[in-house]
């Protein structure tokens, strides 16, 4: 048997519980999952998935000043004048893709 080393990590209890539920369904012990992650870090020479700040949600009317609101309206009118328009289905698909709504 190969030697092992201990890794201590502090995580939010809810995240740990949710991860344990998923890993239990997969039949993978938490320690194996952590080991798999660390092996992927070594293989990729970095984090093995994309790490980025989520895209901001569109501004709400209540969060804008009158000037900001007017600027958004003007941009929208300019888009219409220049033929930059989309169907409701296209807008819905883009909102789901970009904002999860």
PDB file of N, CA and C in Angstrom:
ATOM      1  N   UNK A   1       0.846  -1.180   0.000  1.00  0.00           N
ATOM      2  CA  UNK A   1       0.000   0.000   0.000  1.00  0.00           C
ATOM      3  C   UNK A   1       0.887   1.237   0.000  1.00  0.00           C
ATOM      4  N   UNK A   2       0.495   2.241  -0.789  1.00  0.00           N
ATOM      5  CA  UNK A   2       1.287   3.464  -0.865  1.00  0.00           C
ATOM      6  C   UNK A   2       1.081   4.316   0.374  1.00  0.00           C
ATOM      7  N   UNK A   3       2.069   5.133   0.639  1.00  0.00           N
ATOM      8  CA  UNK A   3       1.956   6.043   1.778  1.00  0.00           C
ATOM      9  C   UNK A   3       0.912   7.100   1.474  1.00  0.00           C
ATOM     10  N   UNK A   4       0.316   7.628   2.504  1.00  0.00           N
ATOM     11  CA  UNK A   4      -0.660   8.712   2.331  1.00  0.00           C
ATOM     12  C   UNK A   4      -0.287   9.869   3.224  1.00  0.00           C
ATOM     13  N   UNK A   5      -0.853  11.001   2.920  1.00  0.00           N
ATOM     14  CA  UNK A   5      -0.653  12.205   3.709  1.00  0.00           C
ATOM     15  C   UNK A   5      -2.028  12.774   4.013  1.00  0.00           C
ATOM     16  N   UNK A   6      -2.146  13.433   5.117  1.00  0.00           N
ATOM     17  CA  UNK A   6      -3.435  13.978   5.532  1.00  0.00           C
ATOM     18  C   UNK A   6      -3.590  15.416   5.048  1.00  0.00           C
ATOM     19  N   UNK A   7      -4.779  15.725   4.554  1.00  0.00           N
ATOM     20  CA  UNK A   7      -5.123  17.075   4.129  1.00  0.00           C
ATOM     21  C   UNK A   7      -6.304  17.522   4.974  1.00  0.00           C
ATOM     22  N   UNK A   8      -6.189  18.665   5.609  1.00  0.00           N
ATOM     23  CA  UNK A   8      -7.293  19.244   6.373  1.00  0.00           C
ATOM     24  C   UNK A   8      -7.833  20.431   5.588  1.00  0.00           C
ATOM     25  N   UNK A   9      -9.147  20.485   5.466  1.00  0.00           N
ATOM     26  CA  UNK A   9      -9.765  21.594   4.739  1.00  0.00           C
ATOM     27  C   UNK A   9     -11.014  22.046   5.485  1.00  0.00           C
ATOM     28  N   UNK A  10     -11.204  23.330   5.546  1.00  0.00           N
ATOM     29  CA  UNK A  10     -12.413  23.883   6.155  1.00  0.00           C
ATOM     30  C   UNK A  10     -13.372  24.276   5.027  1.00  0.00           C
ATOM     31  N   UNK A  11     -14.585  23.767   5.119  1.00  0.00           N
ATOM     32  CA  UNK A  11     -15.611  24.101   4.131  1.00  0.00           C
ATOM     33  C   UNK A  11     -16.914  24.381   4.859  1.00  0.00           C
ATOM     34  N   UNK A  12     -17.790  25.067   4.196  1.00  0.00           N
ATOM     35  CA  UNK A  12     -19.098  25.353   4.775  1.00  0.00           C
ATOM     36  C   UNK A  12     -19.850  24.033   4.973  1.00  0.00           C
ATOM     37  N   UNK A  13     -20.511  23.864   6.119  1.00  0.00           N
ATOM     38  CA  UNK A  13     -21.208  22.597   6.395  1.00  0.00           C
ATOM     39  C   UNK A  13     -22.219  22.212   5.309  1.00  0.00           C
ATOM     40  N   UNK A  14     -22.945  23.213   4.781  1.00  0.00           N
ATOM     41  CA  UNK A  14     -23.956  22.906   3.751  1.00  0.00           C
ATOM     42  C   UNK A  14     -23.294  22.369   2.488  1.00  0.00           C
ATOM     43  N   UNK A  15     -22.161  22.957   2.116  1.00  0.00           N
ATOM     44  CA  UNK A  15     -21.456  22.512   0.908  1.00  0.00           C
ATOM     45  C   UNK A  15     -20.963  21.083   1.107  1.00  0.00           C
ATOM     46  N   UNK A  16     -20.408  20.805   2.288  1.00  0.00           N
ATOM     47  CA  UNK A  16     -19.917  19.455   2.588  1.00  0.00           C
ATOM     48  C   UNK A  16     -21.055  18.446   2.511  1.00  0.00           C
ATOM     49  N   UNK A  17     -22.192  18.776   3.117  1.00  0.00           N
ATOM     50  CA  UNK A  17     -23.331  17.859   3.101  1.00  0.00           C
ATOM     51  C   UNK A  17     -23.829  17.606   1.687  1.00  0.00           C
ATOM     52  N   UNK A  18     -23.938  18.671   0.895  1.00  0.00           N
ATOM     53  CA  UNK A  18     -24.412  18.522  -0.481  1.00  0.00           C
ATOM     54  C   UNK A  18     -23.435  17.686  -1.298  1.00  0.00           C
ATOM     55  N   UNK A  19     -22.135  17.931  -1.107  1.00  0.00           N
ATOM     56  CA  UNK A  19     -21.123  17.163  -1.842  1.00  0.00           C
ATOM     57  C   UNK A  19     -21.166  15.699  -1.425  1.00  0.00           C
ATOM     58  N   UNK A  20     -21.330  15.438  -0.125  1.00  0.00           N
ATOM     59  CA  UNK A  20     -21.408  14.056   0.353  1.00  0.00           C
ATOM     60  C   UNK A  20     -22.590  13.327  -0.264  1.00  0.00           C
ATOM     61  N   UNK A  21     -23.728  14.006  -0.388  1.00  0.00           N
ATOM     62  CA  UNK A  21     -24.906  13.389  -0.998  1.00  0.00           C
ATOM     63  C   UNK A  21     -24.615  12.968  -2.429  1.00  0.00           C
ATOM     64  N   UNK A  22     -24.008  13.868  -3.192  1.00  0.00           N
ATOM     65  CA  UNK A  22     -23.688  13.562  -4.597  1.00  0.00           C
ATOM     66  C   UNK A  22     -22.674  12.434  -4.665  1.00  0.00           C
ATOM     67  N   UNK A  23     -21.621  12.542  -3.873  1.00  0.00           N
ATOM     68  CA  UNK A  23     -20.575  11.514  -3.907  1.00  0.00           C
ATOM     69  C   UNK A  23     -21.107  10.158  -3.459  1.00  0.00           C
ATOM     70  N   UNK A  24     -22.004  10.140  -2.464  1.00  0.00           N
ATOM     71  CA  UNK A  24     -22.606   8.876  -2.037  1.00  0.00           C
ATOM     72  C   UNK A  24     -23.392   8.235  -3.172  1.00  0.00           C
ATOM     73  N   UNK A  25     -24.121   9.058  -3.935  1.00  0.00           N
ATOM     74  CA  UNK A  25     -24.860   8.525  -5.088  1.00  0.00           C
ATOM     75  C   UNK A  25     -23.914   7.924  -6.119  1.00  0.00           C
ATOM     76  N   UNK A  26     -22.735   8.531  -6.239  1.00  0.00           N
ATOM     77  CA  UNK A  26     -21.740   8.038  -7.193  1.00  0.00           C
ATOM     78  C   UNK A  26     -20.917   6.881  -6.627  1.00  0.00           C
ATOM     79  N   UNK A  27     -21.026   6.661  -5.320  1.00  0.00           N
ATOM     80  CA  UNK A  27     -20.246   5.599  -4.692  1.00  0.00           C
ATOM     81  C   UNK A  27     -18.779   5.961  -4.527  1.00  0.00           C
ATOM     82  N   UNK A  28     -18.500   7.238  -4.378  1.00  0.00           N
ATOM     83  CA  UNK A  28     -17.118   7.706  -4.241  1.00  0.00           C
ATOM     84  C   UNK A  28     -16.940   8.326  -2.865  1.00  0.00           C
ATOM     85  N   UNK A  29     -16.025   7.783  -2.054  1.00  0.00           N
ATOM     86  CA  UNK A  29     -15.763   8.403  -0.753  1.00  0.00           C
ATOM     87  C   UNK A  29     -15.170   9.803  -0.927  1.00  0.00           C
ATOM     88  N   UNK A  30     -15.446  10.687   0.033  1.00  0.00           N
ATOM     89  CA  UNK A  30     -14.950  12.064  -0.027  1.00  0.00           C
ATOM     90  C   UNK A  30     -13.437  12.092  -0.201  1.00  0.00           C
ATOM     91  N   UNK A  31     -12.720  11.253   0.532  1.00  0.00           N
ATOM     92  CA  UNK A  31     -11.252  11.269   0.436  1.00  0.00           C
ATOM     93  C   UNK A  31     -10.791  10.905  -0.977  1.00  0.00           C
ATOM     94  N   UNK A  32     -11.477   9.976  -1.631  1.00  0.00           N
ATOM     95  CA  UNK A  32     -11.122   9.627  -3.017  1.00  0.00           C
ATOM     96  C   UNK A  32     -11.394  10.792  -3.953  1.00  0.00           C
ATOM     97  N   UNK A  33     -12.523  11.500  -3.724  1.00  0.00           N
ATOM     98  CA  UNK A  33     -12.858  12.637  -4.576  1.00  0.00           C
ATOM     99  C   UNK A  33     -11.811  13.736  -4.437  1.00  0.00           C
ATOM    100  N   UNK A  34     -11.376  13.996  -3.211  1.00  0.00           N
ATOM    101  CA  UNK A  34     -10.337  15.005  -2.993  1.00  0.00           C
ATOM    102  C   UNK A  34      -9.049  14.571  -3.678  1.00  0.00           C
ATOM    103  N   UNK A  35      -8.705  13.293  -3.546  1.00  0.00           N
ATOM    104  CA  UNK A  35      -7.509  12.771  -4.226  1.00  0.00           C
ATOM    105  C   UNK A  35      -7.607  12.906  -5.738  1.00  0.00           C
ATOM    106  N   UNK A  36      -8.797  12.633  -6.295  1.00  0.00           N
ATOM    107  CA  UNK A  36      -9.006  12.775  -7.741  1.00  0.00           C
ATOM    108  C   UNK A  36      -8.802  14.224  -8.160  1.00  0.00           C
ATOM    109  N   UNK A  37      -9.355  15.150  -7.373  1.00  0.00           N
ATOM    110  CA  UNK A  37      -9.198  16.569  -7.674  1.00  0.00           C
ATOM    111  C   UNK A  37      -7.718  16.948  -7.683  1.00  0.00           C
ATOM    112  N   UNK A  38      -6.986  16.539  -6.656  1.00  0.00           N
ATOM    113  CA  UNK A  38      -5.563  16.901  -6.562  1.00  0.00           C
ATOM    114  C   UNK A  38      -4.750  16.293  -7.705  1.00  0.00           C
ATOM    115  N   UNK A  39      -5.081  15.066  -8.108  1.00  0.00           N
ATOM    116  CA  UNK A  39      -4.382  14.459  -9.257  1.00  0.00           C
ATOM    117  C   UNK A  39      -4.652  15.257 -10.531  1.00  0.00           C
ATOM    118  N   UNK A  40      -5.882  15.750 -10.694  1.00  0.00           N
ATOM    119  CA  UNK A  40      -6.204  16.562 -11.868  1.00  0.00           C
ATOM    120  C   UNK A  40      -5.472  17.902 -11.829  1.00  0.00           C
ATOM    121  N   UNK A  41      -5.300  18.479 -10.635  1.00  0.00           N
ATOM    122  CA  UNK A  41      -4.528  19.714 -10.502  1.00  0.00           C
ATOM    123  C   UNK A  41      -3.110  19.479 -11.012  1.00  0.00           C
ATOM    124  N   UNK A  42      -2.523  18.348 -10.634  1.00  0.00           N
ATOM    125  CA  UNK A  42      -1.163  18.020 -11.074  1.00  0.00           C
ATOM    126  C   UNK A  42      -1.128  17.825 -12.587  1.00  0.00           C
ATOM    127  N   UNK A  43      -2.082  17.059 -13.127  1.00  0.00           N
ATOM    128  CA  UNK A  43      -2.105  16.792 -14.574  1.00  0.00           C
ATOM    129  C   UNK A  43      -2.308  18.050 -15.406  1.00  0.00           C
ATOM    130  N   UNK A  44      -3.142  18.964 -14.908  1.00  0.00           N
ATOM    131  CA  UNK A  44      -3.456  20.191 -15.645  1.00  0.00           C
ATOM    132  C   UNK A  44      -2.509  21.342 -15.315  1.00  0.00           C
ATOM    133  N   UNK A  45      -1.678  21.127 -14.323  1.00  0.00           N
ATOM    134  CA  UNK A  45      -0.807  22.210 -13.833  1.00  0.00           C
ATOM    135  C   UNK A  45      -1.634  23.427 -13.446  1.00  0.00           C
ATOM    136  N   UNK A  46      -2.751  23.180 -12.809  1.00  0.00           N
ATOM    137  CA  UNK A  46      -3.652  24.245 -12.378  1.00  0.00           C
ATOM    138  C   UNK A  46      -5.007  23.671 -12.019  1.00  0.00           C
ATOM    139  N   UNK A  47      -5.956  24.537 -11.770  1.00  0.00           N
ATOM    140  CA  UNK A  47      -7.313  24.106 -11.449  1.00  0.00           C
ATOM    141  C   UNK A  47      -7.898  23.415 -12.688  1.00  0.00           C
ATOM    142  N   UNK A  48      -8.481  22.230 -12.537  1.00  0.00           N
ATOM    143  CA  UNK A  48      -8.943  21.468 -13.706  1.00  0.00           C
ATOM    144  C   UNK A  48     -10.306  21.885 -14.251  1.00  0.00           C
ATOM    145  N   UNK A  49     -10.726  23.083 -13.949  1.00  0.00           N
ATOM    146  CA  UNK A  49     -11.975  23.607 -14.493  1.00  0.00           C
ATOM    147  C   UNK A  49     -11.860  25.114 -14.529  1.00  0.00           C
ATOM    148  N   UNK A  50     -12.758  25.728 -15.278  1.00  0.00           N
ATOM    149  CA  UNK A  50     -12.715  27.180 -15.428  1.00  0.00           C
ATOM    150  C   UNK A  50     -13.149  27.854 -14.133  1.00  0.00           C
ATOM    151  N   UNK A  51     -12.366  28.829 -13.707  1.00  0.00           N
ATOM    152  CA  UNK A  51     -12.698  29.609 -12.521  1.00  0.00           C
ATOM    153  C   UNK A  51     -12.862  31.054 -12.976  1.00  0.00           C
ATOM    154  N   UNK A  52     -14.072  31.569 -12.831  1.00  0.00           N
ATOM    155  CA  UNK A  52     -14.313  32.941 -13.272  1.00  0.00           C
ATOM    156  C   UNK A  52     -15.428  33.554 -12.444  1.00  0.00           C
ATOM    157  N   UNK A  53     -15.488  34.839 -12.465  1.00  0.00           N
ATOM    158  CA  UNK A  53     -16.545  35.563 -11.788  1.00  0.00           C
ATOM    159  C   UNK A  53     -17.793  35.481 -12.664  1.00  0.00           C
ATOM    160  N   UNK A  54     -18.936  35.114 -12.081  1.00  0.00           N
ATOM    161  CA  UNK A  54     -20.152  35.000 -12.888  1.00  0.00           C
ATOM    162  C   UNK A  54     -20.525  36.326 -13.553  1.00  0.00           C
ATOM    163  N   UNK A  55     -21.187  36.202 -14.677  1.00  0.00           N
ATOM    164  CA  UNK A  55     -21.676  37.381 -15.389  1.00  0.00           C
ATOM    165  C   UNK A  55     -22.703  38.081 -14.508  1.00  0.00           C
ATOM    166  N   UNK A  56     -22.623  39.389 -14.473  1.00  0.00           N
ATOM    167  CA  UNK A  56     -23.585  40.142 -13.676  1.00  0.00           C
ATOM    168  C   UNK A  56     -24.971  40.007 -14.269  1.00  0.00           C
ATOM    169  N   UNK A  57     -25.954  40.002 -13.387  1.00  0.00           N
ATOM    170  CA  UNK A  57     -27.338  39.972 -13.845  1.00  0.00           C
ATOM    171  C   UNK A  57     -27.686  41.338 -14.414  1.00  0.00           C
ATOM    172  N   UNK A  58     -28.669  41.390 -15.311  1.00  0.00           N
ATOM    173  CA  UNK A  58     -29.045  42.696 -15.874  1.00  0.00           C
ATOM    174  C   UNK A  58     -29.524  43.636 -14.773  1.00  0.00           C
ATOM    175  N   UNK A  59     -29.310  44.914 -14.951  1.00  0.00           N
ATOM    176  CA  UNK A  59     -29.723  45.858 -13.907  1.00  0.00           C
ATOM    177  C   UNK A  59     -31.243  45.903 -13.781  1.00  0.00           C
ATOM    178  N   UNK A  60     -31.707  46.122 -12.576  1.00  0.00           N
ATOM    179  CA  UNK A  60     -33.140  46.268 -12.357  1.00  0.00           C
ATOM    180  C   UNK A  60     -33.477  47.756 -12.357  1.00  0.00           C
ATOM    181  N   UNK A  61     -34.715  48.057 -12.667  1.00  0.00           N
ATOM    182  CA  UNK A  61     -35.146  49.452 -12.734  1.00  0.00           C
ATOM    183  C   UNK A  61     -34.860  50.177 -11.423  1.00  0.00           C
ATOM    184  N   UNK A  62     -35.142  49.520 -10.315  1.00  0.00           N
ATOM    185  CA  UNK A  62     -34.973  50.143  -9.014  1.00  0.00           C
ATOM    186  C   UNK A  62     -33.526  50.426  -8.635  1.00  0.00           C
ATOM    187  N   UNK A  63     -32.577  49.778  -9.311  1.00  0.00           N
ATOM    188  CA  UNK A  63     -31.173  49.974  -8.959  1.00  0.00           C
ATOM    189  C   UNK A  63     -30.505  51.065  -9.803  1.00  0.00           C
ATOM    190  N   UNK A  64     -31.245  51.636 -10.766  1.00  0.00           N
ATOM    191  CA  UNK A  64     -30.652  52.624 -11.673  1.00  0.00           C
ATOM    192  C   UNK A  64     -31.093  54.042 -11.325  1.00  0.00           C
ATOM    193  N   UNK A  65     -30.216  54.980 -11.642  1.00  0.00           N
ATOM    194  CA  UNK A  65     -30.606  56.385 -11.563  1.00  0.00           C
ATOM    195  C   UNK A  65     -31.432  56.701 -12.808  1.00  0.00           C
ATOM    196  N   UNK A  66     -32.069  57.854 -12.814  1.00  0.00           N
ATOM    197  CA  UNK A  66     -32.857  58.257 -13.981  1.00  0.00           C
ATOM    198  C   UNK A  66     -31.964  58.356 -15.211  1.00  0.00           C
ATOM    199  N   UNK A  67     -30.760  58.885 -15.045  1.00  0.00           N
ATOM    200  CA  UNK A  67     -29.820  59.016 -16.176  1.00  0.00           C
ATOM    201  C   UNK A  67     -29.411  57.647 -16.715  1.00  0.00           C
ATOM    202  N   UNK A  68     -29.148  56.694 -15.820  1.00  0.00           N
ATOM    203  CA  UNK A  68     -28.775  55.338 -16.264  1.00  0.00           C
ATOM    204  C   UNK A  68     -29.942  54.681 -17.003  1.00  0.00           C
ATOM    205  N   UNK A  69     -31.148  54.841 -16.459  1.00  0.00           N
ATOM    206  CA  UNK A  69     -32.334  54.285 -17.108  1.00  0.00           C
ATOM    207  C   UNK A  69     -32.505  54.875 -18.504  1.00  0.00           C
ATOM    208  N   UNK A  70     -32.395  56.205 -18.601  1.00  0.00           N
ATOM    209  CA  UNK A  70     -32.532  56.860 -19.901  1.00  0.00           C
ATOM    210  C   UNK A  70     -31.466  56.398 -20.883  1.00  0.00           C
ATOM    211  N   UNK A  71     -30.252  56.175 -20.409  1.00  0.00           N
ATOM    212  CA  UNK A  71     -29.171  55.690 -21.283  1.00  0.00           C
ATOM    213  C   UNK A  71     -29.510  54.306 -21.827  1.00  0.00           C
ATOM    214  N   UNK A  72     -30.078  53.432 -20.971  1.00  0.00           N
ATOM    215  CA  UNK A  72     -30.478  52.092 -21.433  1.00  0.00           C
ATOM    216  C   UNK A  72     -31.591  52.191 -22.474  1.00  0.00           C
ATOM    217  N   UNK A  73     -32.546  53.088 -22.246  1.00  0.00           N
ATOM    218  CA  UNK A  73     -33.645  53.277 -23.200  1.00  0.00           C
ATOM    219  C   UNK A  73     -33.098  53.788 -24.536  1.00  0.00           C
ATOM    220  N   UNK A  74     -32.214  54.766 -24.478  1.00  0.00           N
ATOM    221  CA  UNK A  74     -31.618  55.316 -25.704  1.00  0.00           C
ATOM    222  C   UNK A  74     -30.859  54.241 -26.477  1.00  0.00           C
ATOM    223  N   UNK A  75     -30.110  53.409 -25.750  1.00  0.00           N
ATOM    224  CA  UNK A  75     -29.379  52.318 -26.409  1.00  0.00           C
ATOM    225  C   UNK A  75     -30.353  51.367 -27.088  1.00  0.00           C
ATOM    226  N   UNK A  76     -31.448  51.055 -26.402  1.00  0.00           N
ATOM    227  CA  UNK A  76     -32.461  50.175 -26.987  1.00  0.00           C
ATOM    228  C   UNK A  76     -33.081  50.768 -28.239  1.00  0.00           C
ATOM    229  N   UNK A  77     -33.410  52.049 -28.194  1.00  0.00           N
ATOM    230  CA  UNK A  77     -33.983  52.713 -29.375  1.00  0.00           C
ATOM    231  C   UNK A  77     -32.984  52.728 -30.529  1.00  0.00           C
ATOM    232  N   UNK A  78     -31.718  52.968 -30.215  1.00  0.00           N
ATOM    233  CA  UNK A  78     -30.673  52.947 -31.242  1.00  0.00           C
ATOM    234  C   UNK A  78     -30.549  51.559 -31.867  1.00  0.00           C
ATOM    235  N   UNK A  79     -30.629  50.519 -31.033  1.00  0.00           N
ATOM    236  CA  UNK A  79     -30.570  49.152 -31.547  1.00  0.00           C
ATOM    237  C   UNK A  79     -31.729  48.883 -32.499  1.00  0.00           C
ATOM    238  N   UNK A  80     -32.927  49.337 -32.147  1.00  0.00           N
ATOM    239  CA  UNK A  80     -34.094  49.130 -33.004  1.00  0.00           C
ATOM    240  C   UNK A  80     -33.895  49.842 -34.340  1.00  0.00           C
ATOM    241  N   UNK A  81     -33.445  51.090 -34.289  1.00  0.00           N
ATOM    242  CA  UNK A  81     -33.224  51.870 -35.509  1.00  0.00           C
ATOM    243  C   UNK A  81     -32.211  51.203 -36.427  1.00  0.00           C
ATOM    244  N   UNK A  82     -31.225  50.521 -35.845  1.00  0.00           N
ATOM    245  CA  UNK A  82     -30.162  49.902 -36.638  1.00  0.00           C
ATOM    246  C   UNK A  82     -30.394  48.418 -36.906  1.00  0.00           C
ATOM    247  N   UNK A  83     -31.614  47.942 -36.644  1.00  0.00           N
ATOM    248  CA  UNK A  83     -31.964  46.562 -36.991  1.00  0.00           C
ATOM    249  C   UNK A  83     -31.405  45.502 -36.055  1.00  0.00           C
ATOM    250  N   UNK A  84     -30.908  45.916 -34.901  1.00  0.00           N
ATOM    251  CA  UNK A  84     -30.390  44.932 -33.936  1.00  0.00           C
ATOM    252  C   UNK A  84     -31.546  44.511 -33.030  1.00  0.00           C
ATOM    253  N   UNK A  85     -32.381  43.621 -33.570  1.00  0.00           N
ATOM    254  CA  UNK A  85     -33.569  43.168 -32.847  1.00  0.00           C
ATOM    255  C   UNK A  85     -33.568  41.643 -32.772  1.00  0.00           C
ATOM    256  N   UNK A  86     -34.272  41.105 -31.781  1.00  0.00           N
ATOM    257  CA  UNK A  86     -34.334  39.665 -31.558  1.00  0.00           C
ATOM    258  C   UNK A  86     -35.771  39.272 -31.250  1.00  0.00           C
ATOM    259  N   UNK A  87     -36.101  38.017 -31.555  1.00  0.00           N
ATOM    260  CA  UNK A  87     -37.430  37.513 -31.205  1.00  0.00           C
ATOM    261  C   UNK A  87     -37.479  37.247 -29.707  1.00  0.00           C
ATOM    262  N   UNK A  88     -38.683  37.131 -29.185  1.00  0.00           N
ATOM    263  CA  UNK A  88     -38.850  36.836 -27.758  1.00  0.00           C
ATOM    264  C   UNK A  88     -38.205  35.504 -27.406  1.00  0.00           C
ATOM    265  N   UNK A  89     -38.297  34.515 -28.294  1.00  0.00           N
ATOM    266  CA  UNK A  89     -37.684  33.207 -28.050  1.00  0.00           C
ATOM    267  C   UNK A  89     -36.157  33.319 -27.977  1.00  0.00           C
ATOM    268  N   UNK A  90     -35.563  34.150 -28.839  1.00  0.00           N
ATOM    269  CA  UNK A  90     -34.115  34.351 -28.806  1.00  0.00           C
ATOM    270  C   UNK A  90     -33.683  35.024 -27.512  1.00  0.00           C
ATOM    271  N   UNK A  91     -34.465  35.997 -27.084  1.00  0.00           N
ATOM    272  CA  UNK A  91     -34.153  36.701 -25.831  1.00  0.00           C
ATOM    273  C   UNK A  91     -34.260  35.740 -24.658  1.00  0.00           C
ATOM    274  N   UNK A  92     -35.318  34.943 -24.623  1.00  0.00           N
ATOM    275  CA  UNK A  92     -35.503  33.981 -23.531  1.00  0.00           C
ATOM    276  C   UNK A  92     -34.349  32.982 -23.478  1.00  0.00           C
ATOM    277  N   UNK A  93     -33.938  32.469 -24.642  1.00  0.00           N
ATOM    278  CA  UNK A  93     -32.830  31.509 -24.680  1.00  0.00           C
ATOM    279  C   UNK A  93     -31.538  32.139 -24.182  1.00  0.00           C
ATOM    280  N   UNK A  94     -31.291  33.388 -24.571  1.00  0.00           N
ATOM    281  CA  UNK A  94     -30.069  34.076 -24.136  1.00  0.00           C
ATOM    282  C   UNK A  94     -30.100  34.362 -22.638  1.00  0.00           C
ATOM    283  N   UNK A  95     -31.256  34.748 -22.113  1.00  0.00           N
ATOM    284  CA  UNK A  95     -31.385  35.001 -20.675  1.00  0.00           C
ATOM    285  C   UNK A  95     -31.136  33.723 -19.878  1.00  0.00           C
ATOM    286  N   UNK A  96     -31.672  32.607 -20.365  1.00  0.00           N
ATOM    287  CA  UNK A  96     -31.448  31.327 -19.679  1.00  0.00           C
ATOM    288  C   UNK A  96     -29.968  30.963 -19.718  1.00  0.00           C
ATOM    289  N   UNK A  97     -29.338  31.142 -20.870  1.00  0.00           N
ATOM    290  CA  UNK A  97     -27.923  30.803 -21.020  1.00  0.00           C
ATOM    291  C   UNK A  97     -27.023  31.685 -20.167  1.00  0.00           C
ATOM    292  N   UNK A  98     -27.257  32.975 -20.213  1.00  0.00           N
ATOM    293  CA  UNK A  98     -26.349  33.918 -19.553  1.00  0.00           C
ATOM    294  C   UNK A  98     -26.640  34.131 -18.072  1.00  0.00           C
ATOM    295  N   UNK A  99     -27.898  34.067 -17.689  1.00  0.00           N
ATOM    296  CA  UNK A  99     -28.260  34.418 -16.326  1.00  0.00           C
ATOM    297  C   UNK A  99     -28.989  33.324 -15.560  1.00  0.00           C
ATOM    298  N   UNK A 100     -29.263  32.210 -16.222  1.00  0.00           N
ATOM    299  CA  UNK A 100     -29.943  31.121 -15.548  1.00  0.00           C
ATOM    300  C   UNK A 100     -31.369  31.426 -15.154  1.00  0.00           C
ATOM    301  N   UNK A 101     -31.990  32.367 -15.893  1.00  0.00           N
ATOM    302  CA  UNK A 101     -33.381  32.722 -15.570  1.00  0.00           C
ATOM    303  C   UNK A 101     -34.279  32.487 -16.762  1.00  0.00           C
TER     304      UNK A 101
END
